[in-house]
Each structure stands twice: as C-alpha cells, then as structure tokens.
Amino acid sequence: MGTVVLSGAVVLVVLGFGNPLYWLAAAGVLFLYVRYGLGSSAPSAPSAGSTGPAPSAAPAPTTYKAYRDRRDKQAKWERRYRRERPMESRRQERERGK
C-alpha cells in the first residue's frame, strides 16, 4: 500500500511542473497517508494454517456498550432496508427459509 501511495505522490510531483496544483495534491496524499494510513497496516490475510475466526469488516467491540451500540445501529439499518425494499427483503427471507 505504501508503495502505491509513494508512487502516486511522485507522479503528482512530476505532473506538478506543468500545474502546481498537483504539488498540493501530492502533499495532501502524503499527509493523509502519514496521518491515517501508516500505522493502520494490518496483515492482508491470515496464514493457511490459521484456525481462528475469519476477519470481519469491523473490529470487535471492546466493551459491552460498544457492542450494544453497533448491534442497535445494524438493526436500524436492517429495518430501514426492509422498509425501503420490501420485495427484495421478502425474497431474501424466502431464500433463507429453504
């Protein structure tokens, strides 16, 4: 990931000789990478011998309150989905029942 960001910054700097706005874009990309992307590099996939649970999209909550908030937010989105797409949600329920 770092290689892609640094390569993109170099390309923006080279393009910046024609338009200095690209230099600002390169500085912004590097700032965002250092601020948010540098320390959050996680392993891309578990090893083949790993018997642990599959990685999820969101990290596991550390407290019960965080778990409850996440669960309530998910339920709210599911209710909204069923309300806005009744035909699709019925089809999914039928498929789940088979």
C-alpha atoms as a PDB file:
ATOM      1  CA  MET A   1       0.000   0.000   0.000  1.00  0.00           C
ATOM      2  CA  GLY A   2       2.809   2.385   0.870  1.00  0.00           C
ATOM      3  CA  THR A   3       4.486   1.808  -2.464  1.00  0.00           C
ATOM      4  CA  VAL A   4       1.317   2.747  -4.328  1.00  0.00           C
ATOM      5  CA  VAL A   5       0.890   5.942  -2.315  1.00  0.00           C
ATOM      6  CA  LEU A   6       4.517   6.966  -2.742  1.00  0.00           C
ATOM      7  CA  SER A   7       4.420   6.199  -6.472  1.00  0.00           C
ATOM      8  CA  GLY A   8       1.270   8.266  -6.821  1.00  0.00           C
ATOM      9  CA  ALA A   9       2.903  11.154  -4.964  1.00  0.00           C
ATOM     10  CA  VAL A  10       5.943  11.015  -7.254  1.00  0.00           C
ATOM     11  CA  VAL A  11       3.686  11.069 -10.311  1.00  0.00           C
ATOM     12  CA  LEU A  12       1.810  14.077  -8.907  1.00  0.00           C
ATOM     13  CA  VAL A  13       5.092  15.886  -8.241  1.00  0.00           C
ATOM     14  CA  VAL A  14       6.287  15.234 -11.805  1.00  0.00           C
ATOM     15  CA  LEU A  15       2.957  16.450 -13.174  1.00  0.00           C
ATOM     16  CA  GLY A  16       3.269  19.456 -10.883  1.00  0.00           C
ATOM     17  CA  PHE A  17       5.927  21.016 -13.106  1.00  0.00           C
ATOM     18  CA  GLY A  18       3.122  21.798 -15.542  1.00  0.00           C
ATOM     19  CA  ASN A  19       0.477  22.637 -12.952  1.00  0.00           C
ATOM     20  CA  PRO A  20       1.483  23.467  -9.350  1.00  0.00           C
ATOM     21  CA  LEU A  21      -1.927  22.315  -8.136  1.00  0.00           C
ATOM     22  CA  TYR A  22      -0.641  18.750  -8.467  1.00  0.00           C
ATOM     23  CA  TRP A  23       2.041  19.560  -5.884  1.00  0.00           C
ATOM     24  CA  LEU A  24      -0.688  20.428  -3.427  1.00  0.00           C
ATOM     25  CA  ALA A  25      -2.434  17.175  -4.251  1.00  0.00           C
ATOM     26  CA  ALA A  26       0.801  15.244  -3.673  1.00  0.00           C
ATOM     27  CA  ALA A  27       1.303  16.965  -0.324  1.00  0.00           C
ATOM     28  CA  GLY A  28      -2.286  16.146   0.621  1.00  0.00           C
ATOM     29  CA  VAL A  29      -1.882  12.493  -0.330  1.00  0.00           C
ATOM     30  CA  LEU A  30       1.322  12.183   1.685  1.00  0.00           C
ATOM     31  CA  PHE A  31      -0.230  13.968   4.664  1.00  0.00           C
ATOM     32  CA  LEU A  32      -3.264  11.681   4.664  1.00  0.00           C
ATOM     33  CA  TYR A  33      -1.068   8.611   4.301  1.00  0.00           C
ATOM     34  CA  VAL A  34       1.159   9.609   7.207  1.00  0.00           C
ATOM     35  CA  ARG A  35      -1.801  10.686   9.337  1.00  0.00           C
ATOM     36  CA  TYR A  36      -4.181   7.754   8.748  1.00  0.00           C
ATOM     37  CA  GLY A  37      -2.547   5.030   6.682  1.00  0.00           C
ATOM     38  CA  LEU A  38       0.920   4.493   8.037  1.00  0.00           C
ATOM     39  CA  GLY A  39       0.135   2.883  11.400  1.00  0.00           C
ATOM     40  CA  SER A  40      -3.022   1.042  10.389  1.00  0.00           C
ATOM     41  CA  SER A  41      -1.407  -1.501   8.102  1.00  0.00           C
ATOM     42  CA  ALA A  42      -2.876  -4.856   9.093  1.00  0.00           C
ATOM     43  CA  PRO A  43      -1.994  -8.257   7.676  1.00  0.00           C
ATOM     44  CA  SER A  44      -3.869  -8.794   4.431  1.00  0.00           C
ATOM     45  CA  ALA A  45      -4.876 -12.402   5.029  1.00  0.00           C
ATOM     46  CA  PRO A  46      -4.375 -14.995   7.733  1.00  0.00           C
ATOM     47  CA  SER A  47      -1.998 -17.864   7.066  1.00  0.00           C
ATOM     48  CA  ALA A  48      -3.342 -21.094   5.617  1.00  0.00           C
ATOM     49  CA  GLY A  49      -2.829 -22.964   8.908  1.00  0.00           C
ATOM     50  CA  SER A  50      -4.807 -20.417  10.902  1.00  0.00           C
ATOM     51  CA  THR A  51      -7.813 -21.906  12.667  1.00  0.00           C
ATOM     52  CA  GLY A  52      -9.096 -18.616  14.137  1.00  0.00           C
ATOM     53  CA  PRO A  53     -12.286 -16.899  13.064  1.00  0.00           C
ATOM     54  CA  ALA A  54     -12.484 -15.195   9.698  1.00  0.00           C
ATOM     55  CA  PRO A  55     -11.622 -11.494   9.731  1.00  0.00           C
ATOM     56  CA  SER A  56     -14.661  -9.230   9.813  1.00  0.00           C
ATOM     57  CA  ALA A  57     -15.197  -5.834   8.245  1.00  0.00           C
ATOM     58  CA  ALA A  58     -15.234  -4.027  11.590  1.00  0.00           C
ATOM     59  CA  PRO A  59     -13.104  -4.719  14.633  1.00  0.00           C
ATOM     60  CA  ALA A  60     -14.732  -6.481  17.538  1.00  0.00           C
ATOM     61  CA  PRO A  61     -16.115  -4.088  20.160  1.00  0.00           C
ATOM     62  CA  THR A  62     -14.059  -3.853  23.314  1.00  0.00           C
ATOM     63  CA  THR A  63     -16.915  -3.067  25.698  1.00  0.00           C
ATOM     64  CA  TYR A  64     -20.472  -4.230  26.033  1.00  0.00           C
ATOM     65  CA  LYS A  65     -21.712  -0.682  25.404  1.00  0.00           C
ATOM     66  CA  ALA A  66     -19.792  -0.534  22.106  1.00  0.00           C
ATOM     67  CA  TYR A  67     -21.198  -3.936  21.146  1.00  0.00           C
ATOM     68  CA  ARG A  68     -24.737  -2.827  22.004  1.00  0.00           C
ATOM     69  CA  ASP A  69     -24.359   0.426  20.040  1.00  0.00           C
ATOM     70  CA  ARG A  70     -23.061  -1.456  16.991  1.00  0.00           C
ATOM     71  CA  ARG A  71     -25.826  -4.049  17.254  1.00  0.00           C
ATOM     72  CA  ASP A  72     -28.512  -1.354  17.535  1.00  0.00           C
ATOM     73  CA  LYS A  73     -27.100   0.547  14.565  1.00  0.00           C
ATOM     74  CA  GLN A  74     -27.088  -2.647  12.478  1.00  0.00           C
ATOM     75  CA  ALA A  75     -30.704  -3.389  13.449  1.00  0.00           C
ATOM     76  CA  LYS A  76     -31.698   0.151  12.496  1.00  0.00           C
ATOM     77  CA  TRP A  77     -30.126  -0.258   9.045  1.00  0.00           C
ATOM     78  CA  GLU A  78     -31.802  -3.630   8.550  1.00  0.00           C
ATOM     79  CA  ARG A  79     -35.218  -2.182   9.431  1.00  0.00           C
ATOM     80  CA  ARG A  80     -34.626   0.690   7.007  1.00  0.00           C
ATOM     81  CA  TYR A  81     -33.610  -1.738   4.257  1.00  0.00           C
ATOM     82  CA  ARG A  82     -36.752  -3.833   4.782  1.00  0.00           C
ATOM     83  CA  ARG A  83     -38.921  -0.704   4.780  1.00  0.00           C
ATOM     84  CA  GLU A  84     -37.395   0.744   1.601  1.00  0.00           C
ATOM     85  CA  ARG A  85     -37.096  -2.561  -0.316  1.00  0.00           C
ATOM     86  CA  PRO A  86     -39.994  -4.792   0.730  1.00  0.00           C
ATOM     87  CA  MET A  87     -39.896  -7.070  -2.325  1.00  0.00           C
ATOM     88  CA  GLU A  88     -36.168  -7.714  -2.020  1.00  0.00           C
ATOM     89  CA  SER A  89     -36.364  -8.385   1.704  1.00  0.00           C
ATOM     90  CA  ARG A  90     -39.245 -10.868   1.177  1.00  0.00           C
ATOM     91  CA  ARG A  91     -37.227 -12.670  -1.487  1.00  0.00           C
ATOM     92  CA  GLN A  92     -34.256 -12.899   0.858  1.00  0.00           C
ATOM     93  CA  GLU A  93     -36.461 -14.272   3.641  1.00  0.00           C
ATOM     94  CA  ARG A  94     -37.842 -16.935   1.269  1.00  0.00           C
ATOM     95  CA  GLU A  95     -34.321 -17.963   0.230  1.00  0.00           C
ATOM     96  CA  ARG A  96     -33.197 -18.064   3.846  1.00  0.00           C
ATOM     97  CA  GLY A  97     -36.087 -20.383   4.725  1.00  0.00           C
ATOM     98  CA  LYS A  98     -35.142 -23.052   2.161  1.00  0.00           C
END
